Amino acid sequence: MQQGVRFFADEAAEGRGWPRRIEDAVDDIAGVFHWPASEIYALSLGDLLDQRERAVAWWNRLNTPPKGKS
């Protein structure tokens, strides 16, 4: 994976960063936290969106180079 790539940056810039589809949120959470889809689909909508925001923040924190480095 390429360092410094902000995978979720475009969606996050559109407001709260909500996905266009629920499946996109499930994919994002599963991809970042390695949770099974069955556990993610059991979340309420509010919890799903909260966990996706956590996944976005975690991904961007890990994949943004420190200031002054590229």
PDB file of N, CA and C in Angstrom:
ATOM      1  N   MET A   1       0.841  -1.174   0.000  1.00  0.00           N
ATOM      2  CA  MET A   1       0.000   0.000   0.000  1.00  0.00           C
ATOM      3  C   MET A   1       0.886   1.237   0.000  1.00  0.00           C
ATOM      4  N   GLN A   2       0.500   2.200  -0.734  1.00  0.00           N
ATOM      5  CA  GLN A   2       1.270   3.423  -0.895  1.00  0.00           C
ATOM      6  C   GLN A   2       1.059   4.340   0.305  1.00  0.00           C
ATOM      7  N   GLN A   3       2.142   4.793   0.918  1.00  0.00           N
ATOM      8  CA  GLN A   3       2.054   5.705   2.055  1.00  0.00           C
ATOM      9  C   GLN A   3       1.609   7.083   1.588  1.00  0.00           C
ATOM     10  N   GLY A   4       0.868   7.768   2.424  1.00  0.00           N
ATOM     11  CA  GLY A   4       0.448   9.121   2.118  1.00  0.00           C
ATOM     12  C   GLY A   4      -0.823   9.214   1.290  1.00  0.00           C
ATOM     13  N   VAL A   5      -1.424   8.094   0.959  1.00  0.00           N
ATOM     14  CA  VAL A   5      -2.656   8.106   0.172  1.00  0.00           C
ATOM     15  C   VAL A   5      -3.827   8.172   1.140  1.00  0.00           C
ATOM     16  N   ARG A   6      -4.644   9.194   0.998  1.00  0.00           N
ATOM     17  CA  ARG A   6      -5.791   9.362   1.882  1.00  0.00           C
ATOM     18  C   ARG A   6      -7.016   8.777   1.183  1.00  0.00           C
ATOM     19  N   PHE A   7      -7.210   7.491   1.384  1.00  0.00           N
ATOM     20  CA  PHE A   7      -8.229   6.716   0.707  1.00  0.00           C
ATOM     21  C   PHE A   7      -9.622   7.295   0.887  1.00  0.00           C
ATOM     22  N   PHE A   8      -9.945   7.793   2.076  1.00  0.00           N
ATOM     23  CA  PHE A   8     -11.284   8.280   2.372  1.00  0.00           C
ATOM     24  C   PHE A   8     -11.403   9.791   2.250  1.00  0.00           C
ATOM     25  N   ALA A   9     -10.383  10.477   1.804  1.00  0.00           N
ATOM     26  CA  ALA A   9     -10.368  11.942   1.834  1.00  0.00           C
ATOM     27  C   ALA A   9     -11.500  12.555   1.025  1.00  0.00           C
ATOM     28  N   ASP A  10     -11.828  12.012  -0.127  1.00  0.00           N
ATOM     29  CA  ASP A  10     -12.875  12.600  -0.966  1.00  0.00           C
ATOM     30  C   ASP A  10     -14.230  12.559  -0.277  1.00  0.00           C
ATOM     31  N   GLU A  11     -14.589  11.423   0.294  1.00  0.00           N
ATOM     32  CA  GLU A  11     -15.877  11.323   0.972  1.00  0.00           C
ATOM     33  C   GLU A  11     -15.913  12.193   2.218  1.00  0.00           C
ATOM     34  N   ALA A  12     -14.842  12.226   2.966  1.00  0.00           N
ATOM     35  CA  ALA A  12     -14.812  13.018   4.196  1.00  0.00           C
ATOM     36  C   ALA A  12     -14.971  14.502   3.889  1.00  0.00           C
ATOM     37  N   ALA A  13     -14.521  14.942   2.730  1.00  0.00           N
ATOM     38  CA  ALA A  13     -14.629  16.349   2.356  1.00  0.00           C
ATOM     39  C   ALA A  13     -16.060  16.742   2.018  1.00  0.00           C
ATOM     40  N   GLU A  14     -16.933  15.758   1.807  1.00  0.00           N
ATOM     41  CA  GLU A  14     -18.317  16.025   1.416  1.00  0.00           C
ATOM     42  C   GLU A  14     -19.233  16.247   2.616  1.00  0.00           C
ATOM     43  N   GLY A  15     -18.708  16.495   3.766  1.00  0.00           N
ATOM     44  CA  GLY A  15     -19.536  16.691   4.952  1.00  0.00           C
ATOM     45  C   GLY A  15     -19.083  15.765   6.047  1.00  0.00           C
ATOM     46  N   ARG A  16     -20.012  14.999   6.579  1.00  0.00           N
ATOM     47  CA  ARG A  16     -19.685  14.079   7.668  1.00  0.00           C
ATOM     48  C   ARG A  16     -18.905  12.870   7.174  1.00  0.00           C
ATOM     49  N   GLY A  17     -18.844  12.702   5.876  1.00  0.00           N
ATOM     50  CA  GLY A  17     -18.115  11.568   5.336  1.00  0.00           C
ATOM     51  C   GLY A  17     -18.948  10.313   5.236  1.00  0.00           C
ATOM     52  N   TRP A  18     -20.268  10.460   5.163  1.00  0.00           N
ATOM     53  CA  TRP A  18     -21.130   9.295   5.058  1.00  0.00           C
ATOM     54  C   TRP A  18     -20.972   8.647   3.696  1.00  0.00           C
ATOM     55  N   PRO A  19     -21.014   7.334   3.667  1.00  0.00           N
ATOM     56  CA  PRO A  19     -20.911   6.628   2.388  1.00  0.00           C
ATOM     57  C   PRO A  19     -22.188   6.780   1.579  1.00  0.00           C
ATOM     58  N   ARG A  20     -22.075   6.522   0.303  1.00  0.00           N
ATOM     59  CA  ARG A  20     -23.256   6.581  -0.566  1.00  0.00           C
ATOM     60  C   ARG A  20     -24.165   5.374  -0.361  1.00  0.00           C
ATOM     61  N   ARG A  21     -23.565   4.251   0.055  1.00  0.00           N
ATOM     62  CA  ARG A  21     -24.337   3.021   0.282  1.00  0.00           C
ATOM     63  C   ARG A  21     -23.909   2.400   1.609  1.00  0.00           C
ATOM     64  N   ILE A  22     -24.818   1.709   2.252  1.00  0.00           N
ATOM     65  CA  ILE A  22     -24.512   1.027   3.510  1.00  0.00           C
ATOM     66  C   ILE A  22     -23.402  -0.002   3.293  1.00  0.00           C
ATOM     67  N   GLU A  23     -23.431  -0.681   2.160  1.00  0.00           N
ATOM     68  CA  GLU A  23     -22.414  -1.693   1.879  1.00  0.00           C
ATOM     69  C   GLU A  23     -21.009  -1.084   1.862  1.00  0.00           C
ATOM     70  N   ASP A  24     -20.902   0.173   1.431  1.00  0.00           N
ATOM     71  CA  ASP A  24     -19.594   0.837   1.430  1.00  0.00           C
ATOM     72  C   ASP A  24     -19.086   1.028   2.851  1.00  0.00           C
ATOM     73  N   ALA A  25     -19.981   1.389   3.767  1.00  0.00           N
ATOM     74  CA  ALA A  25     -19.582   1.539   5.169  1.00  0.00           C
ATOM     75  C   ALA A  25     -19.146   0.202   5.745  1.00  0.00           C
ATOM     76  N   VAL A  26     -19.895  -0.856   5.426  1.00  0.00           N
ATOM     77  CA  VAL A  26     -19.546  -2.198   5.900  1.00  0.00           C
ATOM     78  C   VAL A  26     -18.172  -2.591   5.366  1.00  0.00           C
ATOM     79  N   ASP A  27     -17.930  -2.361   4.091  1.00  0.00           N
ATOM     80  CA  ASP A  27     -16.630  -2.687   3.489  1.00  0.00           C
ATOM     81  C   ASP A  27     -15.494  -1.903   4.145  1.00  0.00           C
ATOM     82  N   ASP A  28     -15.728  -0.621   4.408  1.00  0.00           N
ATOM     83  CA  ASP A  28     -14.692   0.208   5.020  1.00  0.00           C
ATOM     84  C   ASP A  28     -14.333  -0.289   6.416  1.00  0.00           C
ATOM     85  N   ILE A  29     -15.343  -0.592   7.218  1.00  0.00           N
ATOM     86  CA  ILE A  29     -15.109  -1.065   8.584  1.00  0.00           C
ATOM     87  C   ILE A  29     -14.412  -2.424   8.562  1.00  0.00           C
ATOM     88  N   ALA A  30     -14.901  -3.326   7.722  1.00  0.00           N
ATOM     89  CA  ALA A  30     -14.301  -4.657   7.634  1.00  0.00           C
ATOM     90  C   ALA A  30     -12.856  -4.578   7.153  1.00  0.00           C
ATOM     91  N   GLY A  31     -12.602  -3.705   6.182  1.00  0.00           N
ATOM     92  CA  GLY A  31     -11.255  -3.591   5.638  1.00  0.00           C
ATOM     93  C   GLY A  31     -10.250  -3.007   6.605  1.00  0.00           C
ATOM     94  N   VAL A  32     -10.678  -2.063   7.423  1.00  0.00           N
ATOM     95  CA  VAL A  32      -9.759  -1.409   8.355  1.00  0.00           C
ATOM     96  C   VAL A  32      -9.618  -2.206   9.648  1.00  0.00           C
ATOM     97  N   PHE A  33     -10.732  -2.619  10.228  1.00  0.00           N
ATOM     98  CA  PHE A  33     -10.699  -3.286  11.536  1.00  0.00           C
ATOM     99  C   PHE A  33     -10.732  -4.812  11.447  1.00  0.00           C
ATOM    100  N   HIS A  34     -10.939  -5.372  10.253  1.00  0.00           N
ATOM    101  CA  HIS A  34     -10.978  -6.826  10.042  1.00  0.00           C
ATOM    102  C   HIS A  34     -12.120  -7.494  10.812  1.00  0.00           C
ATOM    103  N   TRP A  35     -13.253  -6.805  10.889  1.00  0.00           N
ATOM    104  CA  TRP A  35     -14.433  -7.374  11.531  1.00  0.00           C
ATOM    105  C   TRP A  35     -15.215  -8.168  10.492  1.00  0.00           C
ATOM    106  N   PRO A  36     -15.863  -9.262  10.903  1.00  0.00           N
ATOM    107  CA  PRO A  36     -16.695  -9.996   9.952  1.00  0.00           C
ATOM    108  C   PRO A  36     -17.966  -9.198   9.631  1.00  0.00           C
ATOM    109  N   ALA A  37     -18.432  -9.337   8.411  1.00  0.00           N
ATOM    110  CA  ALA A  37     -19.622  -8.607   7.966  1.00  0.00           C
ATOM    111  C   ALA A  37     -20.824  -8.903   8.854  1.00  0.00           C
ATOM    112  N   SER A  38     -20.942 -10.133   9.354  1.00  0.00           N
ATOM    113  CA  SER A  38     -22.083 -10.483  10.201  1.00  0.00           C
ATOM    114  C   SER A  38     -22.130  -9.613  11.458  1.00  0.00           C
ATOM    115  N   GLU A  39     -20.986  -9.276  12.011  1.00  0.00           N
ATOM    116  CA  GLU A  39     -20.940  -8.408  13.198  1.00  0.00           C
ATOM    117  C   GLU A  39     -21.292  -6.965  12.834  1.00  0.00           C
ATOM    118  N   ILE A  40     -20.848  -6.540  11.677  1.00  0.00           N
ATOM    119  CA  ILE A  40     -21.091  -5.155  11.256  1.00  0.00           C
ATOM    120  C   ILE A  40     -22.567  -4.956  10.928  1.00  0.00           C
ATOM    121  N   TYR A  41     -23.178  -5.912  10.243  1.00  0.00           N
ATOM    122  CA  TYR A  41     -24.594  -5.792   9.899  1.00  0.00           C
ATOM    123  C   TYR A  41     -25.488  -5.815  11.136  1.00  0.00           C
ATOM    124  N   ALA A  42     -24.990  -6.294  12.268  1.00  0.00           N
ATOM    125  CA  ALA A  42     -25.765  -6.315  13.509  1.00  0.00           C
ATOM    126  C   ALA A  42     -25.799  -4.940  14.188  1.00  0.00           C
ATOM    127  N   LEU A  43     -24.962  -4.001  13.754  1.00  0.00           N
ATOM    128  CA  LEU A  43     -24.919  -2.662  14.345  1.00  0.00           C
ATOM    129  C   LEU A  43     -26.148  -1.846  13.952  1.00  0.00           C
ATOM    130  N   SER A  44     -26.541  -0.936  14.824  1.00  0.00           N
ATOM    131  CA  SER A  44     -27.584   0.020  14.457  1.00  0.00           C
ATOM    132  C   SER A  44     -26.986   0.977  13.420  1.00  0.00           C
ATOM    133  N   LEU A  45     -27.835   1.726  12.736  1.00  0.00           N
ATOM    134  CA  LEU A  45     -27.345   2.665  11.733  1.00  0.00           C
ATOM    135  C   LEU A  45     -26.408   3.695  12.362  1.00  0.00           C
ATOM    136  N   GLY A  46     -26.788   4.217  13.520  1.00  0.00           N
ATOM    137  CA  GLY A  46     -25.939   5.191  14.203  1.00  0.00           C
ATOM    138  C   GLY A  46     -24.580   4.616  14.567  1.00  0.00           C
ATOM    139  N   ASP A  47     -24.577   3.386  15.099  1.00  0.00           N
ATOM    140  CA  ASP A  47     -23.314   2.736  15.445  1.00  0.00           C
ATOM    141  C   ASP A  47     -22.486   2.436  14.201  1.00  0.00           C
ATOM    142  N   LEU A  48     -23.151   2.041  13.127  1.00  0.00           N
ATOM    143  CA  LEU A  48     -22.452   1.767  11.875  1.00  0.00           C
ATOM    144  C   LEU A  48     -21.718   3.026  11.399  1.00  0.00           C
ATOM    145  N   LEU A  49     -22.415   4.158  11.392  1.00  0.00           N
ATOM    146  CA  LEU A  49     -21.797   5.402  10.933  1.00  0.00           C
ATOM    147  C   LEU A  49     -20.691   5.856  11.875  1.00  0.00           C
ATOM    148  N   ASP A  50     -20.877   5.664  13.179  1.00  0.00           N
ATOM    149  CA  ASP A  50     -19.817   6.000  14.141  1.00  0.00           C
ATOM    150  C   ASP A  50     -18.575   5.141  13.919  1.00  0.00           C
ATOM    151  N   GLN A  51     -18.780   3.843  13.721  1.00  0.00           N
ATOM    152  CA  GLN A  51     -17.636   2.954  13.500  1.00  0.00           C
ATOM    153  C   GLN A  51     -16.940   3.263  12.180  1.00  0.00           C
ATOM    154  N   ARG A  52     -17.713   3.651  11.175  1.00  0.00           N
ATOM    155  CA  ARG A  52     -17.092   4.018   9.908  1.00  0.00           C
ATOM    156  C   ARG A  52     -16.240   5.276  10.075  1.00  0.00           C
ATOM    157  N   GLU A  53     -16.739   6.246  10.833  1.00  0.00           N
ATOM    158  CA  GLU A  53     -15.943   7.450  11.091  1.00  0.00           C
ATOM    159  C   GLU A  53     -14.651   7.096  11.810  1.00  0.00           C
ATOM    160  N   ARG A  54     -14.722   6.162  12.751  1.00  0.00           N
ATOM    161  CA  ARG A  54     -13.507   5.703  13.428  1.00  0.00           C
ATOM    162  C   ARG A  54     -12.559   5.039  12.438  1.00  0.00           C
ATOM    163  N   ALA A  55     -13.106   4.231  11.522  1.00  0.00           N
ATOM    164  CA  ALA A  55     -12.272   3.568  10.519  1.00  0.00           C
ATOM    165  C   ALA A  55     -11.595   4.585   9.600  1.00  0.00           C
ATOM    166  N   VAL A  56     -12.328   5.601   9.194  1.00  0.00           N
ATOM    167  CA  VAL A  56     -11.775   6.658   8.344  1.00  0.00           C
ATOM    168  C   VAL A  56     -10.640   7.365   9.070  1.00  0.00           C
ATOM    169  N   ALA A  57     -10.890   7.759  10.311  1.00  0.00           N
ATOM    170  CA  ALA A  57      -9.868   8.470  11.090  1.00  0.00           C
ATOM    171  C   ALA A  57      -8.634   7.594  11.292  1.00  0.00           C
ATOM    172  N   TRP A  58      -8.839   6.328  11.603  1.00  0.00           N
ATOM    173  CA  TRP A  58      -7.727   5.398  11.820  1.00  0.00           C
ATOM    174  C   TRP A  58      -6.905   5.240  10.532  1.00  0.00           C
ATOM    175  N   TRP A  59      -7.587   5.003   9.419  1.00  0.00           N
ATOM    176  CA  TRP A  59      -6.908   4.844   8.135  1.00  0.00           C
ATOM    177  C   TRP A  59      -6.082   6.083   7.791  1.00  0.00           C
ATOM    178  N   ASN A  60      -6.703   7.241   7.899  1.00  0.00           N
ATOM    179  CA  ASN A  60      -6.008   8.479   7.536  1.00  0.00           C
ATOM    180  C   ASN A  60      -4.839   8.760   8.468  1.00  0.00           C
ATOM    181  N   ARG A  61      -4.986   8.461   9.750  1.00  0.00           N
ATOM    182  CA  ARG A  61      -3.892   8.656  10.702  1.00  0.00           C
ATOM    183  C   ARG A  61      -2.708   7.754  10.349  1.00  0.00           C
ATOM    184  N   LEU A  62      -2.981   6.523   9.974  1.00  0.00           N
ATOM    185  CA  LEU A  62      -1.903   5.579   9.639  1.00  0.00           C
ATOM    186  C   LEU A  62      -1.272   5.840   8.284  1.00  0.00           C
ATOM    187  N   ASN A  63      -1.994   6.469   7.381  1.00  0.00           N
ATOM    188  CA  ASN A  63      -1.525   6.608   6.009  1.00  0.00           C
ATOM    189  C   ASN A  63      -1.203   8.034   5.595  1.00  0.00           C
ATOM    190  N   THR A  64      -1.146   8.941   6.542  1.00  0.00           N
ATOM    191  CA  THR A  64      -0.745  10.313   6.258  1.00  0.00           C
ATOM    192  C   THR A  64       0.674  10.482   6.765  1.00  0.00           C
ATOM    193  N   PRO A  65       1.601  10.866   5.897  1.00  0.00           N
ATOM    194  CA  PRO A  65       2.980  11.019   6.346  1.00  0.00           C
ATOM    195  C   PRO A  65       3.106  12.166   7.350  1.00  0.00           C
ATOM    196  N   PRO A  66       4.076  12.078   8.250  1.00  0.00           N
ATOM    197  CA  PRO A  66       4.287  13.176   9.198  1.00  0.00           C
ATOM    198  C   PRO A  66       4.578  14.474   8.445  1.00  0.00           C
ATOM    199  N   LYS A  67       4.219  15.594   9.068  1.00  0.00           N
ATOM    200  CA  LYS A  67       4.473  16.888   8.435  1.00  0.00           C
ATOM    201  C   LYS A  67       5.957  17.031   8.142  1.00  0.00           C
ATOM    202  N   GLY A  68       6.225  17.591   6.971  1.00  0.00           N
ATOM    203  CA  GLY A  68       7.606  17.789   6.555  1.00  0.00           C
ATOM    204  C   GLY A  68       8.212  16.589   5.859  1.00  0.00           C
ATOM    205  N   LYS A  69       7.457  15.495   5.748  1.00  0.00           N
ATOM    206  CA  LYS A  69       7.941  14.289   5.066  1.00  0.00           C
ATOM    207  C   LYS A  69       6.942  13.913   3.992  1.00  0.00           C
ATOM    208  N   SER A  70       7.433  13.330   2.912  1.00  0.00           N
ATOM    209  CA  SER A  70       6.520  12.881   1.867  1.00  0.00           C
ATOM    210  C   SER A  70       6.847  11.517   1.359  1.00  0.00           C
TER     211      SER A  70
END
